[in-house]
Amino acid sequence: MAPRKRSGRGRTARKTESDPRAIAAVDCERSSDFPIVGVGASAGGLDAVTQMLEAVPVNTGMAFILIQHLAPKHPSNLAAILARTTPMSVTEAKDQNSVVPNHVYVIPPGQDMMISSGRLRLSPREIHGQHRPIDLFLCSLAQDSKHLAIAVDLRHWN
């Protein structure tokens, strides 16, 4: 474990480079001041996500991060498909991406994703236990963005 790191608010937290999930435990200041929308969807939720993005204006000043249940070992065309539904830029997330407003980020297959200090953090999908990528991301989003975090859960949308 790395030494204790003191945050700007006087709290102490531990962080390890070997466990990306520990990043969520670090109490850090986010430099951006715009809302980030975490969108969770089931594997069959493409229609719900498409309808949502078609209805969202291009200049909301918010970033949208899509966490969808994807097959871990199959390539995904989700970003390309969604790019046809919205004038916002849509890209598959990469590790250390800085999140910017009016942009849609899509989780890549076989990865878990979190956010810390306004940057996306990818790690290989855990293969043991229940896989909960949406819950994992939304918890990190709430901790990182606090009152600017927005969660949209489309897993049970009809």
N, C-alpha and C. Protein backbone atom coordinates (compact mmCIF):
# COMPACT_ATOMS: atom_id res chain seq x y z
N MET A 1 0.83 -1.19 0.00
CA MET A 1 0.00 0.00 0.00
C MET A 1 0.86 1.24 0.00
N ALA A 2 0.37 2.21 -0.70
CA ALA A 2 1.06 3.50 -0.73
C ALA A 2 0.84 4.21 0.59
N PRO A 3 1.65 5.18 0.90
CA PRO A 3 1.46 5.92 2.15
C PRO A 3 0.13 6.66 2.13
N ARG A 4 -0.31 7.04 3.31
CA ARG A 4 -1.57 7.77 3.44
C ARG A 4 -1.49 9.09 2.71
N LYS A 5 -2.59 9.44 2.09
CA LYS A 5 -2.64 10.68 1.33
C LYS A 5 -3.65 11.60 1.98
N ARG A 6 -3.27 12.83 2.22
CA ARG A 6 -4.17 13.77 2.86
C ARG A 6 -4.89 14.55 1.78
N SER A 7 -6.22 14.62 1.90
CA SER A 7 -7.01 15.37 0.93
C SER A 7 -7.11 16.82 1.37
N GLY A 8 -7.65 17.65 0.50
CA GLY A 8 -7.76 19.07 0.79
C GLY A 8 -8.75 19.39 1.88
N ARG A 9 -9.57 18.43 2.31
CA ARG A 9 -10.57 18.71 3.33
C ARG A 9 -10.19 18.12 4.68
N GLY A 10 -8.96 17.70 4.83
CA GLY A 10 -8.51 17.25 6.13
C GLY A 10 -8.80 15.79 6.44
N ARG A 11 -9.43 15.05 5.53
CA ARG A 11 -9.67 13.64 5.76
C ARG A 11 -8.49 12.84 5.24
N THR A 12 -8.33 11.63 5.76
CA THR A 12 -7.25 10.78 5.33
C THR A 12 -7.82 9.55 4.66
N ALA A 13 -7.18 9.11 3.60
CA ALA A 13 -7.65 7.92 2.89
C ALA A 13 -6.44 7.13 2.41
N ARG A 14 -6.67 5.86 2.12
CA ARG A 14 -5.61 5.01 1.59
C ARG A 14 -5.90 4.71 0.13
N LYS A 15 -4.83 4.59 -0.64
CA LYS A 15 -4.96 4.28 -2.06
C LYS A 15 -3.87 3.30 -2.43
N THR A 16 -4.24 2.29 -3.21
CA THR A 16 -3.22 1.39 -3.73
C THR A 16 -3.27 1.39 -5.23
N GLU A 17 -2.13 1.41 -5.85
CA GLU A 17 -2.07 1.38 -7.31
C GLU A 17 -2.44 0.00 -7.83
N SER A 18 -2.26 -1.06 -7.01
CA SER A 18 -2.54 -2.41 -7.48
C SER A 18 -4.02 -2.74 -7.48
N ASP A 19 -4.84 -1.98 -6.80
CA ASP A 19 -6.28 -2.23 -6.77
C ASP A 19 -7.03 -0.99 -7.23
N PRO A 20 -7.43 -0.95 -8.51
CA PRO A 20 -8.12 0.24 -9.03
C PRO A 20 -9.40 0.56 -8.28
N ARG A 21 -10.04 -0.43 -7.66
CA ARG A 21 -11.27 -0.17 -6.92
C ARG A 21 -11.02 0.67 -5.68
N ALA A 22 -9.78 0.68 -5.20
CA ALA A 22 -9.46 1.48 -4.03
C ALA A 22 -9.49 2.97 -4.35
N ILE A 23 -9.45 3.32 -5.62
CA ILE A 23 -9.49 4.73 -6.01
C ILE A 23 -10.75 5.39 -5.48
N ALA A 24 -11.86 4.65 -5.46
CA ALA A 24 -13.12 5.22 -5.00
C ALA A 24 -13.06 5.61 -3.53
N ALA A 25 -12.15 5.00 -2.78
CA ALA A 25 -12.05 5.30 -1.35
C ALA A 25 -11.28 6.59 -1.09
N VAL A 26 -10.61 7.10 -2.08
CA VAL A 26 -9.83 8.32 -1.90
C VAL A 26 -10.75 9.52 -1.95
N ASP A 27 -10.68 10.37 -0.96
CA ASP A 27 -11.51 11.57 -0.92
C ASP A 27 -10.76 12.68 -1.63
N CYS A 28 -11.17 12.99 -2.84
CA CYS A 28 -10.43 13.97 -3.62
C CYS A 28 -11.36 15.04 -4.15
N GLU A 29 -10.82 16.17 -4.48
CA GLU A 29 -11.57 17.27 -5.08
C GLU A 29 -11.64 17.04 -6.58
N ARG A 30 -12.78 17.25 -7.16
CA ARG A 30 -12.91 17.17 -8.61
C ARG A 30 -12.74 18.56 -9.16
N SER A 31 -11.97 18.69 -10.22
CA SER A 31 -11.68 20.01 -10.74
C SER A 31 -12.82 20.57 -11.59
N SER A 32 -13.67 19.72 -12.13
CA SER A 32 -14.74 20.21 -13.00
C SER A 32 -15.97 20.59 -12.18
N ASP A 33 -16.79 21.46 -12.76
CA ASP A 33 -17.97 21.91 -12.04
C ASP A 33 -19.22 21.74 -12.90
N PHE A 34 -19.29 20.65 -13.63
CA PHE A 34 -20.46 20.36 -14.45
C PHE A 34 -21.03 19.01 -14.03
N PRO A 35 -22.32 18.79 -14.26
CA PRO A 35 -22.92 17.51 -13.89
C PRO A 35 -22.43 16.38 -14.79
N ILE A 36 -22.31 15.21 -14.18
CA ILE A 36 -21.98 13.99 -14.91
C ILE A 36 -23.12 13.02 -14.69
N VAL A 37 -23.66 12.51 -15.79
CA VAL A 37 -24.80 11.60 -15.76
C VAL A 37 -24.30 10.18 -16.00
N GLY A 38 -24.44 9.33 -15.01
CA GLY A 38 -24.13 7.92 -15.16
C GLY A 38 -25.39 7.20 -15.58
N VAL A 39 -25.35 6.51 -16.71
CA VAL A 39 -26.52 5.82 -17.24
C VAL A 39 -26.26 4.32 -17.22
N GLY A 40 -27.08 3.59 -16.48
CA GLY A 40 -26.95 2.14 -16.42
C GLY A 40 -28.03 1.49 -17.27
N ALA A 41 -27.64 0.49 -18.06
CA ALA A 41 -28.61 -0.20 -18.92
C ALA A 41 -28.26 -1.68 -19.00
N SER A 42 -29.28 -2.50 -19.14
CA SER A 42 -29.06 -3.93 -19.31
C SER A 42 -28.60 -4.20 -20.73
N ALA A 43 -28.21 -5.43 -20.99
CA ALA A 43 -27.71 -5.80 -22.31
C ALA A 43 -28.74 -5.53 -23.40
N GLY A 44 -30.01 -5.66 -23.10
CA GLY A 44 -31.05 -5.42 -24.09
C GLY A 44 -31.60 -4.01 -24.05
N GLY A 45 -30.89 -3.10 -23.44
CA GLY A 45 -31.40 -1.74 -23.23
C GLY A 45 -31.02 -0.73 -24.29
N LEU A 46 -30.61 -1.18 -25.46
CA LEU A 46 -30.20 -0.25 -26.51
C LEU A 46 -31.33 0.71 -26.90
N ASP A 47 -32.55 0.20 -26.99
CA ASP A 47 -33.67 1.05 -27.37
C ASP A 47 -33.88 2.17 -26.34
N ALA A 48 -33.80 1.84 -25.07
CA ALA A 48 -33.98 2.84 -24.01
C ALA A 48 -32.88 3.90 -24.06
N VAL A 49 -31.65 3.47 -24.25
CA VAL A 49 -30.52 4.41 -24.31
C VAL A 49 -30.66 5.30 -25.54
N THR A 50 -31.03 4.71 -26.66
CA THR A 50 -31.20 5.47 -27.91
C THR A 50 -32.27 6.54 -27.75
N GLN A 51 -33.40 6.16 -27.18
CA GLN A 51 -34.49 7.12 -26.98
C GLN A 51 -34.06 8.25 -26.05
N MET A 52 -33.32 7.91 -25.00
CA MET A 52 -32.86 8.94 -24.07
C MET A 52 -31.94 9.92 -24.78
N LEU A 53 -30.95 9.41 -25.52
CA LEU A 53 -29.99 10.29 -26.19
C LEU A 53 -30.63 11.13 -27.29
N GLU A 54 -31.63 10.58 -27.96
CA GLU A 54 -32.34 11.35 -28.98
C GLU A 54 -33.08 12.54 -28.37
N ALA A 55 -33.50 12.41 -27.12
CA ALA A 55 -34.27 13.45 -26.45
C ALA A 55 -33.41 14.50 -25.75
N VAL A 56 -32.12 14.21 -25.57
CA VAL A 56 -31.24 15.12 -24.83
C VAL A 56 -30.67 16.17 -25.80
N PRO A 57 -30.81 17.46 -25.47
CA PRO A 57 -30.19 18.49 -26.32
C PRO A 57 -28.67 18.35 -26.33
N VAL A 58 -28.04 18.83 -27.37
CA VAL A 58 -26.60 18.66 -27.53
C VAL A 58 -25.79 19.50 -26.54
N ASN A 59 -26.27 20.66 -26.14
CA ASN A 59 -25.50 21.56 -25.27
C ASN A 59 -26.06 21.64 -23.86
N THR A 60 -26.16 20.52 -23.20
CA THR A 60 -26.67 20.51 -21.82
C THR A 60 -25.62 20.96 -20.82
N GLY A 61 -24.34 20.88 -21.20
CA GLY A 61 -23.27 21.16 -20.25
C GLY A 61 -22.99 19.98 -19.35
N MET A 62 -23.59 18.81 -19.65
CA MET A 62 -23.39 17.61 -18.86
C MET A 62 -22.61 16.58 -19.68
N ALA A 63 -21.90 15.71 -18.99
CA ALA A 63 -21.27 14.55 -19.63
C ALA A 63 -22.15 13.34 -19.33
N PHE A 64 -22.20 12.41 -20.27
CA PHE A 64 -23.01 11.19 -20.12
C PHE A 64 -22.08 9.99 -20.21
N ILE A 65 -22.18 9.11 -19.23
CA ILE A 65 -21.33 7.92 -19.20
C ILE A 65 -22.23 6.71 -19.13
N LEU A 66 -22.17 5.89 -20.18
CA LEU A 66 -23.04 4.72 -20.30
C LEU A 66 -22.33 3.47 -19.82
N ILE A 67 -22.95 2.82 -18.84
CA ILE A 67 -22.47 1.54 -18.35
C ILE A 67 -23.54 0.53 -18.74
N GLN A 68 -23.22 -0.32 -19.70
CA GLN A 68 -24.17 -1.32 -20.15
C GLN A 68 -23.57 -2.70 -19.94
N HIS A 69 -24.42 -3.64 -19.61
CA HIS A 69 -23.97 -5.02 -19.48
C HIS A 69 -23.61 -5.52 -20.88
N LEU A 70 -22.33 -5.77 -21.13
CA LEU A 70 -21.85 -6.23 -22.43
C LEU A 70 -21.19 -7.59 -22.29
N ALA A 71 -21.18 -8.37 -23.36
CA ALA A 71 -20.44 -9.62 -23.36
C ALA A 71 -18.96 -9.29 -23.20
N PRO A 72 -18.29 -9.89 -22.22
CA PRO A 72 -16.92 -9.47 -21.91
C PRO A 72 -15.88 -9.75 -22.98
N LYS A 73 -16.10 -10.74 -23.85
CA LYS A 73 -15.06 -11.11 -24.81
C LYS A 73 -15.44 -10.82 -26.25
N HIS A 74 -16.49 -10.05 -26.46
CA HIS A 74 -16.92 -9.72 -27.81
C HIS A 74 -16.74 -8.23 -28.06
N PRO A 75 -16.22 -7.85 -29.21
CA PRO A 75 -16.10 -6.43 -29.52
C PRO A 75 -17.49 -5.78 -29.52
N SER A 76 -17.52 -4.51 -29.21
CA SER A 76 -18.79 -3.79 -29.16
C SER A 76 -18.80 -2.65 -30.18
N ASN A 77 -19.92 -2.50 -30.85
CA ASN A 77 -20.13 -1.38 -31.76
C ASN A 77 -21.05 -0.34 -31.14
N LEU A 78 -21.22 -0.42 -29.84
CA LEU A 78 -22.18 0.44 -29.16
C LEU A 78 -21.90 1.92 -29.38
N ALA A 79 -20.66 2.34 -29.28
CA ALA A 79 -20.34 3.77 -29.47
C ALA A 79 -20.72 4.22 -30.87
N ALA A 80 -20.41 3.42 -31.88
CA ALA A 80 -20.74 3.78 -33.27
C ALA A 80 -22.26 3.82 -33.48
N ILE A 81 -22.97 2.90 -32.88
CA ILE A 81 -24.43 2.88 -33.00
C ILE A 81 -25.03 4.11 -32.36
N LEU A 82 -24.58 4.45 -31.16
CA LEU A 82 -25.12 5.61 -30.45
C LEU A 82 -24.72 6.92 -31.10
N ALA A 83 -23.58 6.95 -31.76
CA ALA A 83 -23.14 8.18 -32.43
C ALA A 83 -24.13 8.60 -33.52
N ARG A 84 -24.90 7.64 -34.03
CA ARG A 84 -25.89 7.97 -35.06
C ARG A 84 -27.18 8.54 -34.46
N THR A 85 -27.31 8.49 -33.13
CA THR A 85 -28.55 8.95 -32.49
C THR A 85 -28.45 10.31 -31.84
N THR A 86 -27.24 10.86 -31.72
CA THR A 86 -27.07 12.13 -31.03
C THR A 86 -25.98 12.95 -31.72
N PRO A 87 -26.13 14.26 -31.74
CA PRO A 87 -25.05 15.10 -32.29
C PRO A 87 -23.86 15.23 -31.34
N MET A 88 -24.00 14.78 -30.10
CA MET A 88 -22.86 14.82 -29.18
C MET A 88 -21.80 13.82 -29.64
N SER A 89 -20.55 14.07 -29.26
CA SER A 89 -19.49 13.11 -29.54
C SER A 89 -19.71 11.88 -28.68
N VAL A 90 -19.58 10.71 -29.25
CA VAL A 90 -19.73 9.44 -28.54
C VAL A 90 -18.46 8.63 -28.77
N THR A 91 -17.81 8.22 -27.68
CA THR A 91 -16.60 7.42 -27.79
C THR A 91 -16.60 6.31 -26.77
N GLU A 92 -15.90 5.24 -27.10
CA GLU A 92 -15.66 4.20 -26.12
C GLU A 92 -14.63 4.73 -25.14
N ALA A 93 -14.88 4.56 -23.86
CA ALA A 93 -14.00 5.10 -22.83
C ALA A 93 -12.62 4.45 -22.88
N LYS A 94 -11.64 5.24 -22.53
CA LYS A 94 -10.27 4.76 -22.40
C LYS A 94 -9.79 5.12 -20.99
N ASP A 95 -8.87 4.32 -20.48
CA ASP A 95 -8.35 4.58 -19.14
C ASP A 95 -7.72 5.96 -19.09
N GLN A 96 -8.03 6.70 -18.06
CA GLN A 96 -7.52 8.04 -17.79
C GLN A 96 -8.18 9.13 -18.64
N ASN A 97 -9.26 8.79 -19.39
CA ASN A 97 -9.99 9.84 -20.12
C ASN A 97 -10.44 10.92 -19.16
N SER A 98 -10.18 12.17 -19.48
CA SER A 98 -10.79 13.27 -18.76
C SER A 98 -12.21 13.41 -19.27
N VAL A 99 -13.15 13.55 -18.37
CA VAL A 99 -14.55 13.67 -18.75
C VAL A 99 -14.85 15.13 -19.07
N VAL A 100 -15.47 15.36 -20.23
CA VAL A 100 -15.81 16.72 -20.65
C VAL A 100 -17.31 16.81 -20.93
N PRO A 101 -17.87 18.00 -20.80
CA PRO A 101 -19.31 18.16 -21.04
C PRO A 101 -19.69 17.93 -22.50
N ASN A 102 -20.97 17.66 -22.70
CA ASN A 102 -21.55 17.46 -24.04
C ASN A 102 -20.87 16.33 -24.80
N HIS A 103 -20.54 15.29 -24.07
CA HIS A 103 -19.85 14.13 -24.63
C HIS A 103 -20.46 12.87 -24.00
N VAL A 104 -20.52 11.78 -24.76
CA VAL A 104 -21.01 10.49 -24.26
C VAL A 104 -19.85 9.51 -24.28
N TYR A 105 -19.63 8.84 -23.15
CA TYR A 105 -18.60 7.82 -23.02
C TYR A 105 -19.29 6.48 -22.80
N VAL A 106 -18.79 5.43 -23.44
CA VAL A 106 -19.38 4.10 -23.36
C VAL A 106 -18.34 3.15 -22.77
N ILE A 107 -18.75 2.33 -21.81
CA ILE A 107 -17.84 1.36 -21.21
C ILE A 107 -17.41 0.34 -22.26
N PRO A 108 -16.12 -0.01 -22.32
CA PRO A 108 -15.69 -1.05 -23.25
C PRO A 108 -16.01 -2.45 -22.69
N PRO A 109 -16.14 -3.44 -23.56
CA PRO A 109 -16.41 -4.80 -23.08
C PRO A 109 -15.23 -5.33 -22.27
N GLY A 110 -15.54 -6.19 -21.31
CA GLY A 110 -14.50 -6.83 -20.50
C GLY A 110 -13.84 -5.92 -19.49
N GLN A 111 -14.42 -4.75 -19.25
CA GLN A 111 -13.82 -3.78 -18.32
C GLN A 111 -14.82 -3.37 -17.25
N ASP A 112 -14.31 -3.02 -16.11
CA ASP A 112 -15.06 -2.29 -15.09
C ASP A 112 -14.60 -0.85 -15.19
N MET A 113 -15.48 0.08 -14.85
CA MET A 113 -15.11 1.49 -14.96
C MET A 113 -15.54 2.22 -13.71
N MET A 114 -14.67 3.12 -13.29
CA MET A 114 -14.95 4.02 -12.18
C MET A 114 -14.53 5.41 -12.62
N ILE A 115 -14.82 6.39 -11.77
CA ILE A 115 -14.38 7.76 -12.04
C ILE A 115 -13.73 8.30 -10.78
N SER A 116 -12.64 9.01 -10.97
CA SER A 116 -11.93 9.62 -9.86
C SER A 116 -11.25 10.89 -10.36
N SER A 117 -11.45 11.98 -9.66
CA SER A 117 -10.90 13.28 -10.05
C SER A 117 -11.28 13.66 -11.47
N GLY A 118 -12.50 13.30 -11.87
CA GLY A 118 -12.99 13.65 -13.20
C GLY A 118 -12.37 12.85 -14.33
N ARG A 119 -11.69 11.75 -13.99
CA ARG A 119 -11.07 10.89 -15.02
C ARG A 119 -11.66 9.49 -14.91
N LEU A 120 -11.87 8.87 -16.06
CA LEU A 120 -12.37 7.51 -16.10
C LEU A 120 -11.22 6.55 -15.81
N ARG A 121 -11.51 5.55 -15.00
CA ARG A 121 -10.51 4.55 -14.63
C ARG A 121 -11.05 3.19 -15.03
N LEU A 122 -10.33 2.51 -15.90
CA LEU A 122 -10.72 1.19 -16.36
C LEU A 122 -9.87 0.13 -15.70
N SER A 123 -10.47 -1.02 -15.45
CA SER A 123 -9.74 -2.17 -14.92
C SER A 123 -10.39 -3.42 -15.50
N PRO A 124 -9.63 -4.50 -15.61
CA PRO A 124 -10.21 -5.74 -16.14
C PRO A 124 -11.40 -6.18 -15.30
N ARG A 125 -12.41 -6.69 -15.97
CA ARG A 125 -13.62 -7.16 -15.30
C ARG A 125 -13.28 -8.28 -14.34
N GLU A 126 -13.84 -8.18 -13.15
CA GLU A 126 -13.68 -9.24 -12.15
C GLU A 126 -14.44 -10.47 -12.62
N ILE A 127 -13.82 -11.65 -12.53
CA ILE A 127 -14.49 -12.85 -13.01
C ILE A 127 -15.09 -13.68 -11.89
N HIS A 128 -14.85 -13.34 -10.65
CA HIS A 128 -15.44 -14.10 -9.55
C HIS A 128 -16.55 -13.27 -8.90
N GLY A 129 -17.54 -13.94 -8.39
CA GLY A 129 -18.66 -13.25 -7.75
C GLY A 129 -19.60 -12.62 -8.76
N GLN A 130 -20.58 -11.90 -8.25
CA GLN A 130 -21.53 -11.23 -9.12
C GLN A 130 -20.90 -10.01 -9.75
N HIS A 131 -21.14 -9.82 -11.02
CA HIS A 131 -20.60 -8.67 -11.73
C HIS A 131 -21.62 -7.54 -11.68
N ARG A 132 -21.26 -6.42 -11.09
CA ARG A 132 -22.15 -5.27 -10.94
C ARG A 132 -21.48 -3.99 -11.43
N PRO A 133 -21.24 -3.88 -12.74
CA PRO A 133 -20.51 -2.72 -13.25
C PRO A 133 -21.27 -1.41 -13.07
N ILE A 134 -22.58 -1.46 -13.13
CA ILE A 134 -23.37 -0.23 -12.98
C ILE A 134 -23.26 0.28 -11.55
N ASP A 135 -23.46 -0.60 -10.59
CA ASP A 135 -23.36 -0.20 -9.19
C ASP A 135 -21.96 0.32 -8.86
N LEU A 136 -20.95 -0.37 -9.37
CA LEU A 136 -19.56 0.05 -9.13
C LEU A 136 -19.33 1.46 -9.64
N PHE A 137 -19.76 1.72 -10.88
CA PHE A 137 -19.54 3.05 -11.45
C PHE A 137 -20.34 4.12 -10.72
N LEU A 138 -21.63 3.86 -10.47
CA LEU A 138 -22.47 4.88 -9.84
C LEU A 138 -21.99 5.24 -8.44
N CYS A 139 -21.47 4.28 -7.70
CA CYS A 139 -20.91 4.59 -6.37
C CYS A 139 -19.70 5.50 -6.50
N SER A 140 -18.83 5.21 -7.46
CA SER A 140 -17.66 6.07 -7.63
C SER A 140 -18.07 7.45 -8.13
N LEU A 141 -19.09 7.52 -8.98
CA LEU A 141 -19.58 8.81 -9.49
C LEU A 141 -20.13 9.65 -8.34
N ALA A 142 -20.91 9.05 -7.47
CA ALA A 142 -21.48 9.79 -6.34
C ALA A 142 -20.37 10.34 -5.45
N GLN A 143 -19.34 9.55 -5.23
CA GLN A 143 -18.25 10.00 -4.38
C GLN A 143 -17.42 11.09 -5.06
N ASP A 144 -17.22 10.96 -6.37
CA ASP A 144 -16.37 11.91 -7.09
C ASP A 144 -17.10 13.22 -7.38
N SER A 145 -18.36 13.13 -7.79
CA SER A 145 -19.08 14.33 -8.24
C SER A 145 -20.03 14.91 -7.21
N LYS A 146 -20.27 14.18 -6.15
CA LYS A 146 -21.14 14.66 -5.06
C LYS A 146 -22.47 15.20 -5.60
N HIS A 147 -22.79 16.46 -5.33
CA HIS A 147 -24.09 17.02 -5.71
C HIS A 147 -24.25 17.21 -7.22
N LEU A 148 -23.18 17.02 -7.98
CA LEU A 148 -23.25 17.14 -9.44
C LEU A 148 -23.41 15.78 -10.13
N ALA A 149 -23.55 14.72 -9.35
CA ALA A 149 -23.74 13.38 -9.91
C ALA A 149 -25.22 13.13 -10.18
N ILE A 150 -25.49 12.57 -11.34
CA ILE A 150 -26.85 12.21 -11.72
C ILE A 150 -26.83 10.75 -12.15
N ALA A 151 -27.77 9.95 -11.67
CA ALA A 151 -27.85 8.55 -12.06
C ALA A 151 -29.16 8.29 -12.80
N VAL A 152 -29.04 7.60 -13.92
CA VAL A 152 -30.21 7.18 -14.68
C VAL A 152 -30.12 5.67 -14.81
N ASP A 153 -31.11 4.97 -14.26
CA ASP A 153 -31.11 3.51 -14.26
C ASP A 153 -32.16 3.02 -15.25
N LEU A 154 -31.69 2.50 -16.39
CA LEU A 154 -32.59 2.03 -17.44
C LEU A 154 -32.68 0.50 -17.46
N ARG A 155 -32.20 -0.16 -16.41
CA ARG A 155 -32.20 -1.62 -16.40
C ARG A 155 -33.61 -2.20 -16.42
N HIS A 156 -34.56 -1.50 -15.87
CA HIS A 156 -35.93 -2.04 -15.79
C HIS A 156 -36.90 -1.22 -16.60
N TRP A 157 -36.40 -0.47 -17.57
CA TRP A 157 -37.24 0.37 -18.41
C TRP A 157 -38.02 -0.49 -19.36
N ASN A 158 -39.28 -0.17 -19.56
CA ASN A 158 -40.12 -0.95 -20.49
C ASN A 158 -40.35 -0.21 -21.75
